[in-house]
Amino acid sequence: MDVRNKLLGMGVALLILARHCAGRIMQGMDWLLQTLHLPALRPAMDKSRGDVPGWVLITLMSAVLVAGLLAIAGPALEKLFNQAMEQVTP
């Protein structure tokens, strides 16, 4: 139970960090477009504004899910692997 709580806390912290970083990146892109006076690129940036944070969150949630499953099922998988290796003959 303690491992699950730690993994859940780490996952939430990573999601918060990813959301914050994605917001900062998009602010920097807006500043760059305004500075370079490239209004032709702005509509494309505004349309895809939610794509980067979405992909970052999906990636992080997948990583947290894999880590959580590994923490929960790790000992059983290790036992299964060891049993299979013992049955292999050279």
PDB file of N, CA and C in Angstrom:
ATOM      1  N   MET A   1       0.829  -1.188   0.000  1.00  0.00           N
ATOM      2  CA  MET A   1       0.000   0.000   0.000  1.00  0.00           C
ATOM      3  C   MET A   1       0.870   1.248   0.000  1.00  0.00           C
ATOM      4  N   ASP A   2       1.973   1.203   0.728  1.00  0.00           N
ATOM      5  CA  ASP A   2       2.859   2.359   0.817  1.00  0.00           C
ATOM      6  C   ASP A   2       3.481   2.674  -0.541  1.00  0.00           C
ATOM      7  N   VAL A   3       3.829   1.631  -1.296  1.00  0.00           N
ATOM      8  CA  VAL A   3       4.430   1.822  -2.621  1.00  0.00           C
ATOM      9  C   VAL A   3       3.416   2.461  -3.559  1.00  0.00           C
ATOM     10  N   ARG A   4       2.171   2.017  -3.486  1.00  0.00           N
ATOM     11  CA  ARG A   4       1.130   2.596  -4.340  1.00  0.00           C
ATOM     12  C   ARG A   4       0.945   4.076  -4.050  1.00  0.00           C
ATOM     13  N   ASN A   5       0.919   4.434  -2.772  1.00  0.00           N
ATOM     14  CA  ASN A   5       0.751   5.840  -2.407  1.00  0.00           C
ATOM     15  C   ASN A   5       1.911   6.684  -2.915  1.00  0.00           C
ATOM     16  N   LYS A   6       3.120   6.156  -2.811  1.00  0.00           N
ATOM     17  CA  LYS A   6       4.282   6.890  -3.309  1.00  0.00           C
ATOM     18  C   LYS A   6       4.212   7.057  -4.821  1.00  0.00           C
ATOM     19  N   LEU A   7       3.860   5.983  -5.531  1.00  0.00           N
ATOM     20  CA  LEU A   7       3.748   6.059  -6.990  1.00  0.00           C
ATOM     21  C   LEU A   7       2.637   7.011  -7.410  1.00  0.00           C
ATOM     22  N   LEU A   8       1.532   6.966  -6.704  1.00  0.00           N
ATOM     23  CA  LEU A   8       0.437   7.876  -7.021  1.00  0.00           C
ATOM     24  C   LEU A   8       0.859   9.318  -6.790  1.00  0.00           C
ATOM     25  N   GLY A   9       1.537   9.576  -5.693  1.00  0.00           N
ATOM     26  CA  GLY A   9       2.030  10.926  -5.416  1.00  0.00           C
ATOM     27  C   GLY A   9       3.018  11.392  -6.462  1.00  0.00           C
ATOM     28  N   MET A  10       3.919  10.492  -6.876  1.00  0.00           N
ATOM     29  CA  MET A  10       4.885  10.856  -7.916  1.00  0.00           C
ATOM     30  C   MET A  10       4.175  11.124  -9.240  1.00  0.00           C
ATOM     31  N   GLY A  11       3.178  10.329  -9.555  1.00  0.00           N
ATOM     32  CA  GLY A  11       2.435  10.520 -10.796  1.00  0.00           C
ATOM     33  C   GLY A  11       1.710  11.851 -10.819  1.00  0.00           C
ATOM     34  N   VAL A  12       1.070  12.192  -9.713  1.00  0.00           N
ATOM     35  CA  VAL A  12       0.371  13.474  -9.634  1.00  0.00           C
ATOM     36  C   VAL A  12       1.359  14.625  -9.751  1.00  0.00           C
ATOM     37  N   ALA A  13       2.496  14.506  -9.080  1.00  0.00           N
ATOM     38  CA  ALA A  13       3.509  15.562  -9.168  1.00  0.00           C
ATOM     39  C   ALA A  13       4.021  15.715 -10.597  1.00  0.00           C
ATOM     40  N   LEU A  14       4.239  14.603 -11.294  1.00  0.00           N
ATOM     41  CA  LEU A  14       4.691  14.672 -12.686  1.00  0.00           C
ATOM     42  C   LEU A  14       3.644  15.299 -13.589  1.00  0.00           C
ATOM     43  N   LEU A  15       2.376  14.981 -13.356  1.00  0.00           N
ATOM     44  CA  LEU A  15       1.315  15.573 -14.171  1.00  0.00           C
ATOM     45  C   LEU A  15       1.226  17.078 -13.952  1.00  0.00           C
ATOM     46  N   ILE A  16       1.347  17.509 -12.708  1.00  0.00           N
ATOM     47  CA  ILE A  16       1.319  18.943 -12.412  1.00  0.00           C
ATOM     48  C   ILE A  16       2.510  19.633 -13.057  1.00  0.00           C
ATOM     49  N   LEU A  17       3.677  19.029 -12.949  1.00  0.00           N
ATOM     50  CA  LEU A  17       4.877  19.606 -13.558  1.00  0.00           C
ATOM     51  C   LEU A  17       4.745  19.678 -15.078  1.00  0.00           C
ATOM     52  N   ALA A  18       4.219  18.628 -15.686  1.00  0.00           N
ATOM     53  CA  ALA A  18       4.060  18.615 -17.147  1.00  0.00           C
ATOM     54  C   ALA A  18       3.095  19.697 -17.597  1.00  0.00           C
ATOM     55  N   ARG A  19       2.017  19.857 -16.868  1.00  0.00           N
ATOM     56  CA  ARG A  19       1.039  20.897 -17.227  1.00  0.00           C
ATOM     57  C   ARG A  19       1.668  22.279 -17.104  1.00  0.00           C
ATOM     58  N   HIS A  20       2.426  22.497 -16.048  1.00  0.00           N
ATOM     59  CA  HIS A  20       3.086  23.790 -15.847  1.00  0.00           C
ATOM     60  C   HIS A  20       4.111  24.052 -16.950  1.00  0.00           C
ATOM     61  N   CYS A  21       4.934  23.054 -17.252  1.00  0.00           N
ATOM     62  CA  CYS A  21       5.969  23.223 -18.282  1.00  0.00           C
ATOM     63  C   CYS A  21       5.356  23.460 -19.652  1.00  0.00           C
ATOM     64  N   ALA A  22       4.294  22.739 -19.965  1.00  0.00           N
ATOM     65  CA  ALA A  22       3.655  22.917 -21.271  1.00  0.00           C
ATOM     66  C   ALA A  22       3.096  24.331 -21.396  1.00  0.00           C
ATOM     67  N   GLY A  23       2.525  24.849 -20.317  1.00  0.00           N
ATOM     68  CA  GLY A  23       2.015  26.220 -20.338  1.00  0.00           C
ATOM     69  C   GLY A  23       3.132  27.229 -20.551  1.00  0.00           C
ATOM     70  N   ARG A  24       4.257  27.016 -19.899  1.00  0.00           N
ATOM     71  CA  ARG A  24       5.396  27.928 -20.057  1.00  0.00           C
ATOM     72  C   ARG A  24       5.957  27.867 -21.473  1.00  0.00           C
ATOM     73  N   ILE A  25       6.004  26.680 -22.056  1.00  0.00           N
ATOM     74  CA  ILE A  25       6.503  26.539 -23.426  1.00  0.00           C
ATOM     75  C   ILE A  25       5.604  27.300 -24.387  1.00  0.00           C
ATOM     76  N   MET A  26       4.286  27.169 -24.213  1.00  0.00           N
ATOM     77  CA  MET A  26       3.365  27.856 -25.113  1.00  0.00           C
ATOM     78  C   MET A  26       3.459  29.368 -24.931  1.00  0.00           C
ATOM     79  N   GLN A  27       3.677  29.855 -23.712  1.00  0.00           N
ATOM     80  CA  GLN A  27       3.869  31.292 -23.499  1.00  0.00           C
ATOM     81  C   GLN A  27       5.115  31.765 -24.224  1.00  0.00           C
ATOM     82  N   GLY A  28       6.171  30.976 -24.170  1.00  0.00           N
ATOM     83  CA  GLY A  28       7.401  31.333 -24.870  1.00  0.00           C
ATOM     84  C   GLY A  28       7.206  31.361 -26.374  1.00  0.00           C
ATOM     85  N   MET A  29       6.431  30.414 -26.898  1.00  0.00           N
ATOM     86  CA  MET A  29       6.156  30.398 -28.338  1.00  0.00           C
ATOM     87  C   MET A  29       5.353  31.626 -28.743  1.00  0.00           C
ATOM     88  N   ASP A  30       4.365  32.009 -27.930  1.00  0.00           N
ATOM     89  CA  ASP A  30       3.586  33.213 -28.233  1.00  0.00           C
ATOM     90  C   ASP A  30       4.489  34.436 -28.255  1.00  0.00           C
ATOM     91  N   TRP A  31       5.382  34.540 -27.267  1.00  0.00           N
ATOM     92  CA  TRP A  31       6.299  35.680 -27.219  1.00  0.00           C
ATOM     93  C   TRP A  31       7.192  35.697 -28.451  1.00  0.00           C
ATOM     94  N   LEU A  32       7.698  34.536 -28.846  1.00  0.00           N
ATOM     95  CA  LEU A  32       8.571  34.449 -30.012  1.00  0.00           C
ATOM     96  C   LEU A  32       7.843  34.876 -31.279  1.00  0.00           C
ATOM     97  N   LEU A  33       6.610  34.426 -31.442  1.00  0.00           N
ATOM     98  CA  LEU A  33       5.849  34.807 -32.631  1.00  0.00           C
ATOM     99  C   LEU A  33       5.566  36.306 -32.656  1.00  0.00           C
ATOM    100  N   GLN A  34       5.273  36.884 -31.505  1.00  0.00           N
ATOM    101  CA  GLN A  34       5.036  38.327 -31.446  1.00  0.00           C
ATOM    102  C   GLN A  34       6.318  39.092 -31.716  1.00  0.00           C
ATOM    103  N   THR A  35       7.428  38.604 -31.202  1.00  0.00           N
ATOM    104  CA  THR A  35       8.707  39.280 -31.387  1.00  0.00           C
ATOM    105  C   THR A  35       9.154  39.220 -32.840  1.00  0.00           C
ATOM    106  N   LEU A  36       8.980  38.082 -33.471  1.00  0.00           N
ATOM    107  CA  LEU A  36       9.424  37.919 -34.851  1.00  0.00           C
ATOM    108  C   LEU A  36       8.412  38.452 -35.862  1.00  0.00           C
ATOM    109  N   HIS A  37       7.245  38.862 -35.386  1.00  0.00           N
ATOM    110  CA  HIS A  37       6.198  39.399 -36.261  1.00  0.00           C
ATOM    111  C   HIS A  37       5.837  38.403 -37.350  1.00  0.00           C
ATOM    112  N   LEU A  38       5.482  37.211 -36.950  1.00  0.00           N
ATOM    113  CA  LEU A  38       5.076  36.177 -37.893  1.00  0.00           C
ATOM    114  C   LEU A  38       3.600  35.842 -37.676  1.00  0.00           C
ATOM    115  N   PRO A  39       2.708  36.760 -38.018  1.00  0.00           N
ATOM    116  CA  PRO A  39       1.287  36.499 -37.763  1.00  0.00           C
ATOM    117  C   PRO A  39       0.740  35.336 -38.576  1.00  0.00           C
ATOM    118  N   ALA A  40       1.398  34.985 -39.679  1.00  0.00           N
ATOM    119  CA  ALA A  40       0.919  33.869 -40.494  1.00  0.00           C
ATOM    120  C   ALA A  40       1.005  32.549 -39.730  1.00  0.00           C
ATOM    121  N   LEU A  41       1.933  32.439 -38.794  1.00  0.00           N
ATOM    122  CA  LEU A  41       2.079  31.207 -38.019  1.00  0.00           C
ATOM    123  C   LEU A  41       1.138  31.150 -36.820  1.00  0.00           C
ATOM    124  N   ARG A  42       0.634  32.282 -36.384  1.00  0.00           N
ATOM    125  CA  ARG A  42      -0.186  32.319 -35.182  1.00  0.00           C
ATOM    126  C   ARG A  42      -1.454  31.468 -35.290  1.00  0.00           C
ATOM    127  N   PRO A  43      -2.229  31.520 -36.384  1.00  0.00           N
ATOM    128  CA  PRO A  43      -3.431  30.672 -36.416  1.00  0.00           C
ATOM    129  C   PRO A  43      -3.110  29.183 -36.273  1.00  0.00           C
ATOM    130  N   ALA A  44      -2.044  28.728 -36.874  1.00  0.00           N
ATOM    131  CA  ALA A  44      -1.675  27.317 -36.750  1.00  0.00           C
ATOM    132  C   ALA A  44      -1.296  26.989 -35.311  1.00  0.00           C
ATOM    133  N   MET A  45      -0.618  27.906 -34.641  1.00  0.00           N
ATOM    134  CA  MET A  45      -0.230  27.665 -33.249  1.00  0.00           C
ATOM    135  C   MET A  45      -1.465  27.648 -32.357  1.00  0.00           C
ATOM    136  N   ASP A  46      -2.409  28.559 -32.598  1.00  0.00           N
ATOM    137  CA  ASP A  46      -3.597  28.614 -31.759  1.00  0.00           C
ATOM    138  C   ASP A  46      -4.461  27.367 -31.926  1.00  0.00           C
ATOM    139  N   LYS A  47      -4.534  26.817 -33.142  1.00  0.00           N
ATOM    140  CA  LYS A  47      -5.352  25.633 -33.381  1.00  0.00           C
ATOM    141  C   LYS A  47      -4.781  24.405 -32.677  1.00  0.00           C
ATOM    142  N   SER A  48      -3.477  24.296 -32.606  1.00  0.00           N
ATOM    143  CA  SER A  48      -2.856  23.110 -32.015  1.00  0.00           C
ATOM    144  C   SER A  48      -2.373  23.364 -30.593  1.00  0.00           C
ATOM    145  N   ARG A  49      -2.903  24.377 -29.964  1.00  0.00           N
ATOM    146  CA  ARG A  49      -2.427  24.767 -28.644  1.00  0.00           C
ATOM    147  C   ARG A  49      -2.576  23.641 -27.615  1.00  0.00           C
ATOM    148  N   GLY A  50      -3.637  22.858 -27.684  1.00  0.00           N
ATOM    149  CA  GLY A  50      -3.859  21.821 -26.689  1.00  0.00           C
ATOM    150  C   GLY A  50      -3.151  20.510 -26.982  1.00  0.00           C
ATOM    151  N   ASP A  51      -2.535  20.380 -28.132  1.00  0.00           N
ATOM    152  CA  ASP A  51      -1.935  19.105 -28.504  1.00  0.00           C
ATOM    153  C   ASP A  51      -0.733  18.741 -27.644  1.00  0.00           C
ATOM    154  N   VAL A  52       0.166  19.686 -27.418  1.00  0.00           N
ATOM    155  CA  VAL A  52       1.383  19.374 -26.662  1.00  0.00           C
ATOM    156  C   VAL A  52       1.057  18.971 -25.228  1.00  0.00           C
ATOM    157  N   PRO A  53       0.273  19.743 -24.483  1.00  0.00           N
ATOM    158  CA  PRO A  53      -0.036  19.305 -23.118  1.00  0.00           C
ATOM    159  C   PRO A  53      -0.769  17.967 -23.087  1.00  0.00           C
ATOM    160  N   GLY A  54      -1.626  17.725 -24.067  1.00  0.00           N
ATOM    161  CA  GLY A  54      -2.342  16.455 -24.103  1.00  0.00           C
ATOM    162  C   GLY A  54      -1.406  15.276 -24.267  1.00  0.00           C
ATOM    163  N   TRP A  55      -0.464  15.383 -25.192  1.00  0.00           N
ATOM    164  CA  TRP A  55       0.479  14.285 -25.422  1.00  0.00           C
ATOM    165  C   TRP A  55       1.418  14.104 -24.239  1.00  0.00           C
ATOM    166  N   VAL A  56       1.804  15.208 -23.626  1.00  0.00           N
ATOM    167  CA  VAL A  56       2.674  15.104 -22.449  1.00  0.00           C
ATOM    168  C   VAL A  56       1.940  14.375 -21.332  1.00  0.00           C
ATOM    169  N   LEU A  57       0.683  14.733 -21.106  1.00  0.00           N
ATOM    170  CA  LEU A  57      -0.082  14.086 -20.042  1.00  0.00           C
ATOM    171  C   LEU A  57      -0.322  12.608 -20.345  1.00  0.00           C
ATOM    172  N   ILE A  58      -0.622  12.285 -21.591  1.00  0.00           N
ATOM    173  CA  ILE A  58      -0.832  10.881 -21.957  1.00  0.00           C
ATOM    174  C   ILE A  58       0.439  10.076 -21.720  1.00  0.00           C
ATOM    175  N   THR A  59       1.581  10.636 -22.114  1.00  0.00           N
ATOM    176  CA  THR A  59       2.854   9.936 -21.930  1.00  0.00           C
ATOM    177  C   THR A  59       3.157   9.728 -20.453  1.00  0.00           C
ATOM    178  N   LEU A  60       2.981  10.767 -19.657  1.00  0.00           N
ATOM    179  CA  LEU A  60       3.266  10.647 -18.225  1.00  0.00           C
ATOM    180  C   LEU A  60       2.297   9.689 -17.538  1.00  0.00           C
ATOM    181  N   MET A  61       1.027   9.755 -17.898  1.00  0.00           N
ATOM    182  CA  MET A  61       0.067   8.848 -17.278  1.00  0.00           C
ATOM    183  C   MET A  61       0.376   7.402 -17.652  1.00  0.00           C
ATOM    184  N   SER A  62       0.810   7.180 -18.885  1.00  0.00           N
ATOM    185  CA  SER A  62       1.190   5.824 -19.294  1.00  0.00           C
ATOM    186  C   SER A  62       2.392   5.333 -18.496  1.00  0.00           C
ATOM    187  N   ALA A  63       3.374   6.212 -18.314  1.00  0.00           N
ATOM    188  CA  ALA A  63       4.566   5.832 -17.551  1.00  0.00           C
ATOM    189  C   ALA A  63       4.209   5.519 -16.101  1.00  0.00           C
ATOM    190  N   VAL A  64       3.338   6.324 -15.512  1.00  0.00           N
ATOM    191  CA  VAL A  64       2.922   6.079 -14.126  1.00  0.00           C
ATOM    192  C   VAL A  64       2.139   4.772 -14.034  1.00  0.00           C
ATOM    193  N   LEU A  65       1.301   4.503 -15.017  1.00  0.00           N
ATOM    194  CA  LEU A  65       0.531   3.261 -15.022  1.00  0.00           C
ATOM    195  C   LEU A  65       1.448   2.041 -15.109  1.00  0.00           C
ATOM    196  N   VAL A  66       2.437   2.100 -15.987  1.00  0.00           N
ATOM    197  CA  VAL A  66       3.386   0.989 -16.120  1.00  0.00           C
ATOM    198  C   VAL A  66       4.172   0.808 -14.825  1.00  0.00           C
ATOM    199  N   ALA A  67       4.633   1.912 -14.239  1.00  0.00           N
ATOM    200  CA  ALA A  67       5.389   1.816 -12.984  1.00  0.00           C
ATOM    201  C   ALA A  67       4.520   1.238 -11.869  1.00  0.00           C
ATOM    202  N   GLY A  68       3.261   1.660 -11.816  1.00  0.00           N
ATOM    203  CA  GLY A  68       2.353   1.143 -10.795  1.00  0.00           C
ATOM    204  C   GLY A  68       2.086  -0.343 -10.958  1.00  0.00           C
ATOM    205  N   LEU A  69       1.837  -0.762 -12.194  1.00  0.00           N
ATOM    206  CA  LEU A  69       1.601  -2.187 -12.445  1.00  0.00           C
ATOM    207  C   LEU A  69       2.838  -3.017 -12.143  1.00  0.00           C
ATOM    208  N   LEU A  70       3.998  -2.477 -12.481  1.00  0.00           N
ATOM    209  CA  LEU A  70       5.235  -3.199 -12.200  1.00  0.00           C
ATOM    210  C   LEU A  70       5.458  -3.325 -10.696  1.00  0.00           C
ATOM    211  N   ALA A  71       5.142  -2.272  -9.955  1.00  0.00           N
ATOM    212  CA  ALA A  71       5.313  -2.330  -8.505  1.00  0.00           C
ATOM    213  C   ALA A  71       4.356  -3.343  -7.876  1.00  0.00           C
ATOM    214  N   ILE A  72       3.152  -3.414  -8.413  1.00  0.00           N
ATOM    215  CA  ILE A  72       2.158  -4.327  -7.849  1.00  0.00           C
ATOM    216  C   ILE A  72       2.423  -5.768  -8.288  1.00  0.00           C
ATOM    217  N   ALA A  73       2.678  -5.957  -9.577  1.00  0.00           N
ATOM    218  CA  ALA A  73       2.813  -7.309 -10.123  1.00  0.00           C
ATOM    219  C   ALA A  73       4.266  -7.757 -10.240  1.00  0.00           C
ATOM    220  N   GLY A  74       5.207  -6.933  -9.846  1.00  0.00           N
ATOM    221  CA  GLY A  74       6.627  -7.246  -9.986  1.00  0.00           C
ATOM    222  C   GLY A  74       7.044  -8.565  -9.370  1.00  0.00           C
ATOM    223  N   PRO A  75       6.724  -8.803  -8.105  1.00  0.00           N
ATOM    224  CA  PRO A  75       7.130 -10.071  -7.490  1.00  0.00           C
ATOM    225  C   PRO A  75       6.530 -11.294  -8.190  1.00  0.00           C
ATOM    226  N   ALA A  76       5.273 -11.201  -8.601  1.00  0.00           N
ATOM    227  CA  ALA A  76       4.646 -12.334  -9.292  1.00  0.00           C
ATOM    228  C   ALA A  76       5.303 -12.567 -10.649  1.00  0.00           C
ATOM    229  N   LEU A  77       5.628 -11.496 -11.357  1.00  0.00           N
ATOM    230  CA  LEU A  77       6.296 -11.635 -12.653  1.00  0.00           C
ATOM    231  C   LEU A  77       7.697 -12.214 -12.494  1.00  0.00           C
ATOM    232  N   GLU A  78       8.389 -11.796 -11.446  1.00  0.00           N
ATOM    233  CA  GLU A  78       9.731 -12.320 -11.196  1.00  0.00           C
ATOM    234  C   GLU A  78       9.675 -13.818 -10.884  1.00  0.00           C
ATOM    235  N   LYS A  79       8.695 -14.210 -10.080  1.00  0.00           N
ATOM    236  CA  LYS A  79       8.531 -15.628  -9.747  1.00  0.00           C
ATOM    237  C   LYS A  79       8.206 -16.438 -11.004  1.00  0.00           C
ATOM    238  N   LEU A  80       7.331 -15.912 -11.845  1.00  0.00           N
ATOM    239  CA  LEU A  80       6.965 -16.586 -13.092  1.00  0.00           C
ATOM    240  C   LEU A  80       8.171 -16.730 -14.012  1.00  0.00           C
ATOM    241  N   PHE A  81       8.974 -15.680 -14.110  1.00  0.00           N
ATOM    242  CA  PHE A  81      10.175 -15.722 -14.945  1.00  0.00           C
ATOM    243  C   PHE A  81      11.166 -16.758 -14.423  1.00  0.00           C
ATOM    244  N   ASN A  82      11.387 -16.771 -13.115  1.00  0.00           N
ATOM    245  CA  ASN A  82      12.328 -17.731 -12.525  1.00  0.00           C
ATOM    246  C   ASN A  82      11.867 -19.173 -12.738  1.00  0.00           C
ATOM    247  N   GLN A  83      10.567 -19.419 -12.612  1.00  0.00           N
ATOM    248  CA  GLN A  83      10.044 -20.765 -12.857  1.00  0.00           C
ATOM    249  C   GLN A  83      10.260 -21.177 -14.308  1.00  0.00           C
ATOM    250  N   ALA A  84      10.027 -20.256 -15.222  1.00  0.00           N
ATOM    251  CA  ALA A  84      10.216 -20.568 -16.642  1.00  0.00           C
ATOM    252  C   ALA A  84      11.683 -20.847 -16.946  1.00  0.00           C
ATOM    253  N   MET A  85      12.587 -20.077 -16.343  1.00  0.00           N
ATOM    254  CA  MET A  85      14.017 -20.269 -16.589  1.00  0.00           C
ATOM    255  C   MET A  85      14.508 -21.598 -16.015  1.00  0.00           C
ATOM    256  N   GLU A  86      13.920 -22.035 -14.903  1.00  0.00           N
ATOM    257  CA  GLU A  86      14.310 -23.317 -14.311  1.00  0.00           C
ATOM    258  C   GLU A  86      13.895 -24.493 -15.190  1.00  0.00           C
ATOM    259  N   GLN A  87      12.866 -24.314 -15.985  1.00  0.00           N
ATOM    260  CA  GLN A  87      12.386 -25.392 -16.850  1.00  0.00           C
ATOM    261  C   GLN A  87      13.182 -25.495 -18.146  1.00  0.00           C
ATOM    262  N   VAL A  88      13.966 -24.488 -18.456  1.00  0.00           N
ATOM    263  CA  VAL A  88      14.759 -24.508 -19.688  1.00  0.00           C
ATOM    264  C   VAL A  88      15.976 -25.399 -19.479  1.00  0.00           C
ATOM    265  N   THR A  89      16.202 -26.287 -20.438  1.00  0.00           N
ATOM    266  CA  THR A  89      17.383 -27.153 -20.359  1.00  0.00           C
ATOM    267  C   THR A  89      18.378 -26.738 -21.430  1.00  0.00           C
ATOM    268  N   PRO A  90      19.671 -26.764 -21.090  1.00  0.00           N
ATOM    269  CA  PRO A  90      20.684 -26.337 -22.070  1.00  0.00           C
ATOM    270  C   PRO A  90      20.855 -27.316 -23.215  1.00  0.00           C
TER     271      PRO A  90
END
